[in-house]
Protein backbone atom coordinates (compact mmCIF):
# COMPACT_ATOMS: atom_id res chain seq x y z
CA MET A 1 291.45 -145.56 177.28
CA ALA A 2 290.65 -144.99 181.04
CA HIS A 3 291.28 -147.57 183.50
CA GLN A 4 288.97 -147.34 186.70
CA GLU A 5 289.41 -148.73 189.96
CA GLN A 6 288.40 -148.18 193.49
CA LEU A 7 291.26 -148.50 196.36
CA SER A 8 290.16 -150.47 199.30
CA ASN A 9 289.85 -147.16 201.19
CA GLY A 10 287.04 -146.28 198.81
CA LEU A 11 289.17 -143.59 196.65
CA ASN A 12 288.35 -143.57 193.02
CA VAL A 13 291.35 -144.01 190.61
CA VAL A 14 291.52 -143.41 186.75
CA SER A 15 294.68 -143.95 184.90
CA PHE A 16 295.50 -143.69 181.48
CA LYS A 17 298.54 -144.16 179.28
CA GLN A 18 301.23 -141.39 179.23
CA ALA A 19 299.42 -138.70 176.32
CA ALA A 20 301.74 -135.81 177.11
CA GLU A 21 305.24 -135.33 177.64
CA ASP A 22 305.07 -134.97 181.22
CA PHE A 23 303.56 -137.83 183.91
CA GLY A 24 300.77 -135.96 185.42
CA ALA A 25 298.11 -136.57 188.01
CA VAL A 26 295.17 -134.64 189.71
CA PHE A 27 292.66 -134.84 192.46
CA VAL A 28 289.55 -133.88 191.97
CA VAL A 29 287.53 -133.01 195.00
CA PRO A 30 283.73 -131.70 194.90
CA THR A 31 283.93 -128.64 197.16
CA PRO A 32 280.81 -126.99 197.29
CA ALA A 33 280.57 -123.18 197.88
CA VAL A 34 277.45 -123.04 200.08
CA ASP A 35 278.16 -119.65 201.10
CA SER A 36 280.70 -116.80 200.88
CA SER A 37 283.04 -117.38 203.59
CA GLY A 38 285.95 -118.63 201.62
CA ILE A 39 285.84 -121.74 203.72
CA ALA A 40 286.48 -124.11 200.64
CA HIS A 41 289.28 -121.85 199.54
CA LEU A 42 291.06 -121.66 202.60
CA VAL A 43 290.70 -125.60 202.74
CA GLU A 44 292.89 -125.85 199.56
CA HIS A 45 295.75 -123.95 200.90
CA LEU A 46 295.53 -125.99 204.06
CA VAL A 47 296.00 -129.11 202.07
CA PHE A 48 299.53 -127.81 200.90
CA ARG A 49 300.27 -126.42 204.62
CA THR A 50 301.21 -129.27 206.43
CA SER A 51 300.29 -132.99 207.14
CA THR A 52 301.14 -135.75 209.56
CA ARG A 53 303.45 -137.53 207.18
CA TYR A 54 304.97 -134.14 205.32
CA PRO A 55 305.05 -131.91 208.55
CA ALA A 56 307.66 -129.31 206.92
CA ARG A 57 305.38 -126.20 206.24
CA HIS A 58 308.06 -125.14 203.03
CA THR A 59 307.49 -128.81 200.94
CA LEU A 60 305.40 -127.04 198.38
CA PHE A 61 307.73 -124.13 197.76
CA ALA A 62 310.98 -125.87 198.29
CA ALA A 63 309.39 -128.91 196.09
CA ASN A 64 308.14 -126.62 193.34
CA SER A 65 311.60 -124.50 192.85
CA LEU A 66 314.37 -127.57 193.23
CA LEU A 67 312.73 -130.29 191.43
CA PRO A 68 311.37 -131.51 187.97
CA LEU A 69 308.04 -131.08 189.29
CA LYS A 70 304.94 -128.72 189.54
CA MET A 71 302.54 -128.83 192.23
CA ASN A 72 299.44 -126.31 192.61
CA ALA A 73 295.56 -126.45 193.13
CA SER A 74 292.80 -124.20 192.04
CA SER A 75 289.22 -124.54 191.86
CA HIS A 76 286.52 -124.11 189.29
CA ASN A 77 282.48 -124.56 189.45
CA GLY A 78 282.25 -126.34 192.71
CA PHE A 79 285.67 -128.27 192.30
CA SER A 80 289.16 -128.16 193.79
CA TYR A 81 291.63 -129.28 191.69
CA PHE A 82 295.24 -130.38 192.97
CA TYR A 83 297.35 -131.66 190.68
CA ALA A 84 301.29 -132.21 189.76
CA VAL A 85 303.08 -132.64 186.66
CA SER A 86 306.92 -134.54 186.62
CA PRO A 87 308.65 -135.86 183.50
CA ASN A 88 309.83 -137.88 186.30
CA LYS A 89 308.04 -140.99 187.34
CA GLN A 90 309.20 -141.53 190.70
CA ILE A 91 308.67 -138.14 191.52
CA LEU A 92 305.51 -137.89 190.20
CA ILE A 93 304.37 -140.92 192.59
CA GLN A 94 305.96 -138.57 195.67
CA ALA A 95 304.03 -135.70 194.69
CA VAL A 96 300.70 -137.74 194.67
CA ASP A 97 301.47 -139.13 198.13
CA TYR A 98 302.27 -135.31 199.68
CA LEU A 99 299.25 -134.19 198.11
CA LEU A 100 296.46 -137.01 199.17
CA ALA A 101 298.84 -136.86 202.83
CA GLY A 102 297.37 -132.63 202.61
CA ILE A 103 293.94 -134.09 201.69
CA GLN A 104 293.36 -136.48 204.22
CA GLN A 105 294.74 -134.52 206.91
CA ARG A 106 291.82 -133.16 209.28
CA GLU A 107 293.10 -131.43 212.25
CA TYR A 108 295.11 -127.90 211.83
CA ASN A 109 296.22 -125.71 214.89
CA ASP A 110 294.96 -122.02 215.27
CA ASP A 111 298.03 -120.50 214.19
CA ASP A 112 298.07 -122.38 210.85
CA ILE A 113 294.83 -121.42 210.20
CA ARG A 114 295.61 -117.58 211.32
CA ARG A 115 298.61 -117.56 209.04
CA GLU A 116 297.24 -118.67 205.99
CA ARG A 117 293.77 -116.91 206.60
CA ASP A 118 294.70 -113.74 207.55
CA GLY A 119 298.22 -113.68 206.06
CA VAL A 120 298.16 -115.28 202.49
CA ILE A 121 294.52 -115.57 201.76
CA ALA A 122 293.88 -112.40 202.96
CA ARG A 123 296.24 -110.68 200.58
CA GLU A 124 295.10 -112.64 197.79
CA LEU A 125 291.66 -111.32 198.17
CA ALA A 126 293.14 -107.82 198.62
CA MET A 127 294.88 -107.98 195.43
CA TYR A 128 291.77 -109.21 193.54
CA GLU A 129 289.39 -106.44 195.29
CA ALA A 130 291.66 -103.68 194.33
CA THR A 131 290.92 -104.15 190.75
CA GLY A 132 287.66 -102.39 189.31
CA GLU A 133 286.54 -105.47 186.88
CA TYR A 134 286.73 -107.69 190.44
CA GLN A 135 284.97 -105.10 192.05
CA GLN A 136 282.28 -104.73 189.67
CA LYS A 137 281.84 -108.55 189.85
CA MET A 138 281.93 -109.31 193.26
CA ALA A 139 279.21 -106.41 193.85
CA ILE A 140 276.90 -108.15 191.83
CA TRP A 141 277.53 -111.05 193.51
CA ARG A 142 277.20 -109.33 196.88
CA GLY A 143 273.69 -107.68 195.74
CA ASP A 144 272.29 -110.71 194.62
CA ARG A 145 269.89 -112.89 196.74
CA ALA A 146 267.77 -114.71 194.77
CA PRO A 147 267.66 -118.45 194.84
CA ASP A 148 270.02 -119.26 192.47
CA CYS A 149 272.79 -116.83 193.40
CA TYR A 150 276.18 -117.36 193.37
CA HIS A 151 277.97 -117.82 196.35
CA HIS A 152 281.93 -117.04 196.23
CA TRP A 153 283.68 -119.63 196.52
CA GLY A 154 287.28 -117.22 197.40
CA GLY A 155 285.24 -115.69 200.12
CA TYR A 156 285.94 -111.81 200.77
CA CYS A 157 288.38 -109.87 202.85
CA ASP A 158 285.33 -109.43 205.59
CA THR A 159 283.86 -112.76 205.18
CA ILE A 160 287.55 -115.19 205.10
CA SER A 161 288.40 -113.62 208.70
CA GLN A 162 285.56 -115.39 210.42
CA LEU A 163 286.53 -118.75 209.64
CA ARG A 164 288.07 -120.95 212.48
CA ALA A 165 289.61 -124.53 213.26
CA SER A 166 285.84 -126.12 213.74
CA ASP A 167 284.72 -125.13 210.46
CA VAL A 168 287.85 -126.56 208.59
CA ALA A 169 287.50 -129.61 210.63
CA GLY A 170 283.53 -130.02 209.59
CA TYR A 171 284.33 -129.00 205.98
CA LYS A 172 286.78 -131.74 205.52
CA ALA A 173 284.98 -134.32 207.00
CA GLN A 174 281.96 -133.40 204.98
CA TYR A 175 283.42 -133.17 201.61
CA TYR A 176 287.19 -134.67 201.49
CA GLN A 177 285.71 -137.94 201.92
CA ALA A 178 287.31 -140.66 200.13
CA GLY A 179 284.31 -141.80 198.11
CA GLN A 180 283.45 -138.74 197.10
CA ILE A 181 287.23 -137.91 195.49
CA THR A 182 288.69 -138.93 192.04
CA LEU A 183 292.29 -139.43 190.97
CA LEU A 184 293.25 -138.95 187.45
CA LEU A 185 296.49 -140.40 186.32
CA SER A 186 298.54 -140.13 183.20
CA GLY A 187 301.30 -142.53 182.81
CA ILE A 188 301.15 -144.13 186.14
CA ALA A 189 298.32 -146.55 187.32
CA ALA A 190 297.30 -147.17 190.89
CA ASN A 191 299.70 -150.07 191.24
CA ASP A 192 302.43 -147.75 191.03
CA LEU A 193 301.05 -145.53 194.26
CA LEU A 194 303.10 -145.89 197.65
CA PRO A 195 301.27 -148.08 199.80
CA GLN A 196 299.88 -145.15 201.98
CA ALA A 197 297.56 -144.19 198.96
CA SER A 198 294.98 -147.09 200.28
CA GLU A 199 295.12 -146.13 204.25
CA PRO A 200 291.83 -145.30 205.27
CA PHE A 201 290.59 -141.84 205.87
CA GLN A 202 289.95 -140.45 209.26
CA ALA A 203 286.22 -140.80 210.23
CA SER A 204 284.17 -138.10 211.59
CA ASP A 205 280.57 -137.10 211.93
CA LEU A 206 281.21 -133.41 211.80
CA THR A 207 279.66 -131.04 209.13
CA TYR A 208 279.78 -127.42 208.26
CA THR A 209 277.54 -125.00 208.67
CA PRO A 210 277.49 -122.70 205.76
CA ARG A 211 276.97 -118.77 207.29
CA GLN A 212 273.81 -116.31 206.54
CA HIS A 213 275.63 -113.41 205.12
CA GLN A 214 274.06 -110.24 205.02
CA PHE A 215 276.09 -107.68 202.94
CA ARG A 216 275.32 -103.84 202.79
CA ALA A 217 275.97 -101.17 200.68
CA ASP A 218 276.88 -97.68 202.25
CA THR A 219 275.62 -95.71 198.30
CA LEU A 220 272.72 -96.18 196.58
CA GLN A 221 272.82 -97.78 192.95
CA ASP A 222 270.68 -96.27 190.06
CA ASP A 223 271.20 -99.37 187.89
CA CYS A 224 269.44 -102.51 188.50
CA ILE A 225 270.79 -106.14 187.60
CA PHE A 226 268.51 -107.87 185.57
CA SER A 227 269.56 -111.84 185.47
CA TRP A 228 268.22 -115.12 183.68
CA TRP A 229 269.66 -118.34 185.26
CA LEU A 230 270.15 -120.64 182.30
CA PRO A 231 271.55 -124.21 181.74
CA GLU A 232 275.38 -124.87 181.40
CA CYS A 233 274.78 -126.29 177.72
CA TYR A 234 274.46 -122.43 176.39
CA LEU A 235 277.33 -121.20 178.22
CA ASP A 236 280.05 -121.34 175.51
CA GLY A 237 277.51 -120.14 173.11
CA LEU A 238 276.85 -116.96 174.95
CA LEU A 239 280.19 -116.62 175.59
CA SER A 240 281.38 -116.59 172.01
CA ALA A 241 278.21 -114.19 171.68
CA LYS A 242 278.99 -111.73 174.29
CA ALA A 243 281.00 -108.91 172.23
CA ARG A 244 277.98 -109.06 169.98
CA LEU A 245 275.47 -109.06 172.52
CA ARG A 246 277.32 -105.88 173.79
CA GLY A 247 277.35 -104.12 171.28
CA LEU A 248 273.75 -104.49 170.56
CA LEU A 249 272.58 -103.71 174.35
CA ASN A 250 274.87 -100.32 174.18
CA LYS A 251 271.96 -98.56 172.68
CA TYR A 252 269.63 -99.00 175.42
CA ASN A 253 272.33 -98.13 177.33
CA MET A 254 272.72 -101.49 178.83
CA LYS A 255 276.01 -103.57 179.74
CA VAL A 256 276.22 -107.53 179.28
CA VAL A 257 277.79 -109.65 181.60
CA VAL A 258 278.06 -113.74 181.07
CA GLU A 259 279.25 -115.14 184.22
CA ASP A 260 281.64 -117.83 183.02
CA SER A 261 281.28 -120.34 185.57
CA ALA A 262 277.93 -122.50 187.07
CA ASN A 263 276.48 -122.25 190.28
CA TYR A 264 275.58 -125.45 192.20
CA GLN A 265 272.68 -126.12 190.18
CA GLN A 266 275.04 -126.02 187.20
CA LYS A 267 273.26 -122.90 186.26
CA PHE A 268 275.06 -119.73 185.23
CA ALA A 269 273.85 -116.03 185.17
CA PHE A 270 273.27 -114.13 181.85
CA ARG A 271 272.72 -110.79 183.27
CA ILE A 272 272.15 -106.80 181.84
CA ILE A 273 272.51 -103.61 184.01
CA GLY A 274 270.93 -101.02 183.22
CA ARG A 275 267.79 -98.66 184.31
CA PRO A 276 264.09 -100.59 183.93
CA GLY A 277 262.69 -98.54 182.08
CA GLN A 278 264.74 -99.99 179.24
CA LEU A 279 264.25 -103.28 180.22
CA ILE A 280 261.36 -104.23 178.15
CA ALA A 281 263.17 -102.90 174.50
CA ALA A 282 266.51 -104.29 175.93
CA GLN A 283 265.21 -107.68 176.25
CA GLN A 284 262.92 -108.00 173.19
CA ALA A 285 266.16 -107.01 171.16
CA LEU A 286 268.22 -109.61 172.85
CA ILE A 287 265.59 -112.27 172.33
CA ASP A 288 265.54 -111.58 168.54
CA GLU A 289 269.57 -111.62 168.44
CA VAL A 290 269.84 -114.81 170.03
CA LYS A 291 267.08 -116.56 167.75
CA PHE A 292 268.98 -115.14 164.50
CA LEU A 293 272.47 -116.58 166.30
CA ARG A 294 270.85 -120.07 166.97
CA ILE A 295 273.09 -120.79 170.08
CA VAL A 296 272.18 -124.56 170.45
CA PRO A 297 272.73 -126.79 173.86
CA LYS A 298 275.99 -128.37 173.43
CA GLN A 299 278.81 -129.64 176.45
CA HIS A 300 280.36 -127.12 178.13
CA LEU A 301 284.41 -127.77 177.43
CA PHE A 302 286.72 -127.88 180.19
CA PHE A 303 289.92 -125.69 179.76
CA GLU A 304 291.97 -123.80 182.38
CA SER A 305 295.35 -121.80 180.22
CA LYS A 306 297.13 -122.02 183.30
CA TYR A 307 297.17 -125.80 183.82
CA PRO A 308 299.67 -128.14 182.00
CA GLU A 309 298.64 -130.22 178.97
CA SER A 310 298.20 -133.62 180.90
CA ILE A 311 296.43 -131.88 183.65
CA ASN A 312 293.71 -130.27 181.36
CA SER A 313 293.42 -133.56 179.19
CA LEU A 314 292.50 -135.43 182.35
CA LEU A 315 289.92 -133.08 183.43
CA ALA A 316 288.11 -132.31 180.26
CA TRP A 317 287.99 -136.70 180.23
CA TYR A 318 286.54 -136.35 183.62
CA HIS A 319 284.12 -133.28 182.64
CA GLY A 320 283.08 -134.96 179.84
CA GLN A 321 281.76 -138.03 181.44
CA GLN A 322 278.77 -135.83 182.54
CA PRO A 323 276.02 -136.75 180.01
CA LEU A 324 274.30 -133.48 178.19
CA ASN A 325 270.88 -132.78 179.26
CA ARG A 326 269.32 -131.90 175.73
CA LYS A 327 265.65 -131.46 177.12
CA VAL A 328 266.09 -128.10 178.21
CA VAL A 329 264.24 -125.17 177.49
CA ALA A 330 264.83 -123.14 174.37
CA LEU A 331 267.19 -120.03 174.97
CA THR A 332 264.65 -117.82 173.74
CA GLN A 333 262.13 -119.05 176.06
CA ALA A 334 264.24 -118.61 178.98
CA LEU A 335 265.31 -115.32 177.85
CA ALA A 336 261.61 -114.32 177.56
CA LEU A 337 261.07 -115.00 181.26
CA THR A 338 261.05 -112.35 183.90
CA PRO A 339 264.42 -111.69 185.09
CA VAL A 340 265.64 -111.56 188.70
CA ILE A 341 266.00 -107.80 189.56
CA THR A 342 268.72 -107.18 192.12
CA SER A 343 270.87 -104.42 193.01
CA LEU A 344 274.94 -103.73 193.38
CA LYS A 345 276.44 -103.95 196.60
CA PRO A 346 280.21 -102.53 196.32
CA LEU A 347 282.99 -103.84 198.63
CA PRO A 348 284.29 -102.46 201.36
CA LYS A 349 288.00 -101.53 201.42
CA PRO A 350 290.12 -104.81 201.96
CA ILE A 351 291.61 -105.21 204.89
CA VAL A 352 294.65 -107.00 205.74
CA ARG A 353 295.54 -108.11 209.29
CA LEU A 354 298.94 -108.16 210.01
CA VAL A 355 300.78 -110.99 211.52
CA SER A 356 303.72 -111.63 213.71
CA ARG A 357 306.79 -113.15 212.74
CA ALA A 358 307.34 -117.21 213.17
CA GLN A 359 309.95 -119.34 214.35
CA PRO A 360 311.36 -122.46 212.16
CA GLN A 361 309.97 -125.67 213.16
CA HIS A 362 310.96 -128.24 210.42
CA PRO A 363 314.46 -127.13 209.12
CA ASP A 364 314.51 -129.90 206.93
CA CYS A 365 312.43 -131.04 203.84
CA GLU A 366 312.25 -134.88 203.46
CA PHE A 367 310.00 -134.60 200.03
CA VAL A 368 313.23 -132.69 198.31
CA ASN A 369 315.34 -135.09 200.41
CA VAL A 370 313.72 -138.25 199.03
CA ALA A 371 312.94 -137.20 195.30
CA ALA A 372 316.32 -134.91 194.74
CA GLY A 373 317.46 -139.05 194.74
CA HIS A 374 315.33 -139.71 191.41
CA ALA A 375 316.52 -136.79 189.23
CA ALA A 376 318.86 -133.79 188.69
CA LEU A 377 317.96 -130.60 190.29
CA THR A 378 315.42 -128.28 188.08
CA LEU A 379 314.95 -124.49 189.01
CA PRO A 380 312.18 -122.45 187.23
CA ASN A 381 313.81 -119.98 184.42
CA LYS A 382 311.23 -117.48 184.64
CA LEU A 383 309.69 -114.69 186.90
CA PRO A 384 306.33 -114.00 187.15
CA PRO A 385 304.77 -110.91 185.12
CA ARG A 386 304.55 -108.95 188.64
CA VAL A 387 307.79 -109.69 189.25
CA ALA A 388 309.35 -109.32 185.80
CA ALA A 389 307.85 -105.69 185.42
CA LEU A 390 309.94 -104.74 188.93
CA ALA A 391 313.07 -106.28 187.83
CA GLU A 392 312.85 -104.23 184.71
CA GLN A 393 313.34 -101.20 186.70
CA ARG A 394 317.14 -102.68 188.11
CA GLN A 395 320.36 -100.40 187.61
CA ALA A 396 323.80 -101.51 186.53
CA GLY A 397 324.91 -103.44 189.67
CA GLN A 398 321.87 -103.06 191.93
CA THR A 399 321.53 -106.50 193.75
CA PHE A 400 318.31 -105.79 195.79
CA LEU A 401 315.27 -103.74 194.48
CA CYS A 402 312.04 -103.70 196.30
CA ASN A 403 308.71 -101.14 196.48
CA GLN A 404 305.97 -101.04 199.02
CA HIS A 405 304.98 -104.48 198.68
CA ASP A 406 307.26 -106.84 196.47
CA TRP A 407 310.83 -107.43 196.40
CA ILE A 408 313.99 -108.82 194.39
CA TYR A 409 317.07 -110.30 195.51
CA TRP A 410 320.06 -111.45 192.54
CA LEU A 411 322.61 -113.61 194.23
CA ALA A 412 325.63 -113.79 191.88
CA LEU A 413 327.32 -117.66 192.26
CA ASN A 414 330.01 -117.13 190.05
CA ASN A 415 332.69 -116.71 192.27
CA THR A 416 332.10 -120.51 193.16
CA ALA A 417 333.65 -124.07 192.44
CA GLN A 418 329.87 -125.62 193.35
CA PRO A 419 327.48 -126.59 191.21
CA TYR A 420 324.89 -123.86 190.57
CA ALA A 421 321.94 -126.15 191.39
CA GLU A 422 323.80 -127.37 194.62
CA ILE A 423 324.26 -124.37 196.09
CA ALA A 424 320.61 -123.00 195.55
CA ARG A 425 319.66 -126.43 197.15
CA ALA A 426 321.71 -125.20 200.36
CA LEU A 427 319.48 -122.24 200.68
CA LEU A 428 316.24 -123.11 199.31
CA GLU A 429 315.55 -126.16 201.36
CA LYS A 430 316.02 -124.24 204.44
CA GLU A 431 312.54 -123.32 205.93
CA GLN A 432 314.24 -120.10 207.27
CA PHE A 433 314.46 -118.77 203.56
CA TRP A 434 310.76 -119.56 202.86
CA LEU A 435 309.79 -118.05 206.41
CA PRO A 436 307.82 -114.75 205.26
CA ARG A 437 305.61 -116.86 203.24
CA ILE A 438 304.69 -120.02 205.80
CA SER A 439 304.39 -117.05 208.69
CA GLY A 440 301.78 -115.27 206.26
CA LYS A 441 303.83 -112.07 205.81
CA CYS A 442 303.84 -112.43 202.17
CA TYR A 443 301.80 -113.72 199.56
CA ALA A 444 303.92 -115.56 197.64
CA MET A 445 307.59 -116.39 197.41
CA GLY A 446 310.07 -118.01 194.36
CA VAL A 447 313.36 -117.91 192.50
CA GLN A 448 314.53 -117.83 189.04
CA LEU A 449 317.74 -119.34 187.87
CA THR A 450 319.61 -117.56 185.15
CA ASP A 451 323.18 -117.96 183.82
CA ASN A 452 324.96 -117.55 187.10
CA THR A 453 322.46 -115.59 189.04
CA LEU A 454 319.98 -116.95 191.47
CA ILE A 455 316.76 -114.34 191.77
CA CYS A 456 315.02 -114.67 194.88
CA TYR A 457 311.64 -112.69 195.18
CA GLY A 458 308.17 -112.02 197.34
CA VAL A 459 305.20 -110.47 196.13
CA MET A 460 302.41 -108.88 198.71
CA ASP A 461 305.28 -108.51 201.78
CA ASP A 462 304.93 -106.61 204.79
CA GLU A 463 308.45 -106.15 205.08
CA PRO A 464 310.00 -106.37 201.87
CA HIS A 465 313.09 -103.86 203.08
CA ARG A 466 313.91 -107.21 205.45
CA ARG A 467 314.40 -109.45 202.71
CA GLU A 468 317.81 -108.73 201.60
CA GLN A 469 319.63 -108.74 205.13
CA GLU A 470 317.96 -112.02 205.81
CA ILE A 471 318.93 -113.87 202.54
CA GLN A 472 322.48 -112.50 203.21
CA GLN A 473 322.65 -114.19 207.03
CA LEU A 474 321.12 -117.42 204.88
CA VAL A 475 323.87 -117.63 202.31
CA ASN A 476 327.20 -119.27 203.40
CA PRO A 477 330.06 -116.60 202.84
CA ASP A 478 332.56 -118.90 201.98
CA SER A 479 330.46 -120.39 199.43
CA ILE A 480 329.06 -117.45 197.70
CA SER A 481 330.87 -113.53 197.72
């Protein structure tokens, strides 16, 4: 049973009894992709970077690595979700305050924006833009000039770099308003939150001015893209039939693309790619097949495989509150209309700008200091697939391994009387350890504790060869051999 209320600052709070093993919380922020600059993506990252209440820039990384807690964020279909889960109620309450402080933060200095934009996000986008499947999808989006076209929420390497502090301030002032945000809680109630939860959001008349991007292609494409913009209630039906429709349209040398997200009008794109001469026959075959399949309108169910169970449950409830519009045109009628015709505009080669090294600013992590009093330290016990693949190349006795972009350091803890978790805390609480990530020199860092070894790693790092010596300098030689 949902209990709904509004705090004095206008924040909407919906709480549920604990339905999963962990306590959970998620802020739902409507963040429309009003252009392809990546402004919503940049703001999402900056929420975690620093705030007045939690200034330490390594808070997220230290907390996720040392506490029984998982915090993260991602965005889908015009919403940003900032979530936290923990088996410990007090730690979860502290995490909610940390997330709210970042959401309320309005001002960021140019250095913070540059390091997150040119360092971290540019590397993330470059990883995606290097894959063939992503390149095709983005080439479709960049070539689509229809009124219903998708704006790329995440931005591109050649657009994200144009954003400035004034853009961030305007976007947060316009869309990160208390009355537009909903906090969903599992296992805790609004009266469990810290007093700061009711503090007013900073008022501002600033707004964000969308960019007008003009994408051009260096090469001509023979194939055309034929797109139909359909109500979201048909999305699940067409996704389930995608393999069958692909097989059908292969006869006409046509490729099928079903976009798995909706645009700002809650429509999604069904596309076929091929030569114009095959369109009429392919379109009729498509209509006949859809009629045979009897795809009917139904509520699109929210589920994200990367989210914890409690967060998926909360978001499924939230999106399930939207009524299903059954007064929509029949799918066969919609597909009988003339499609929007566009062309592919391939991505340019991604550019990642090198950033300078940074100096520590906040050596202590207040969040961990407070939260560690409520539960035993808990370190991650798994490596990400990309890092695990690199770890398989380790030779016997090897303590450091790196390639052009990624690195792993194995830190033996067996020659010490101190508890392993306490040794790890002494290292991971230091801002100096996380400095490559904070400064934008690498995309991601993390750790794994296994048996008597602390495994440290970094991904998409400018200087992977430097990390072995830097970690050794941070380790107390009297505690660890």
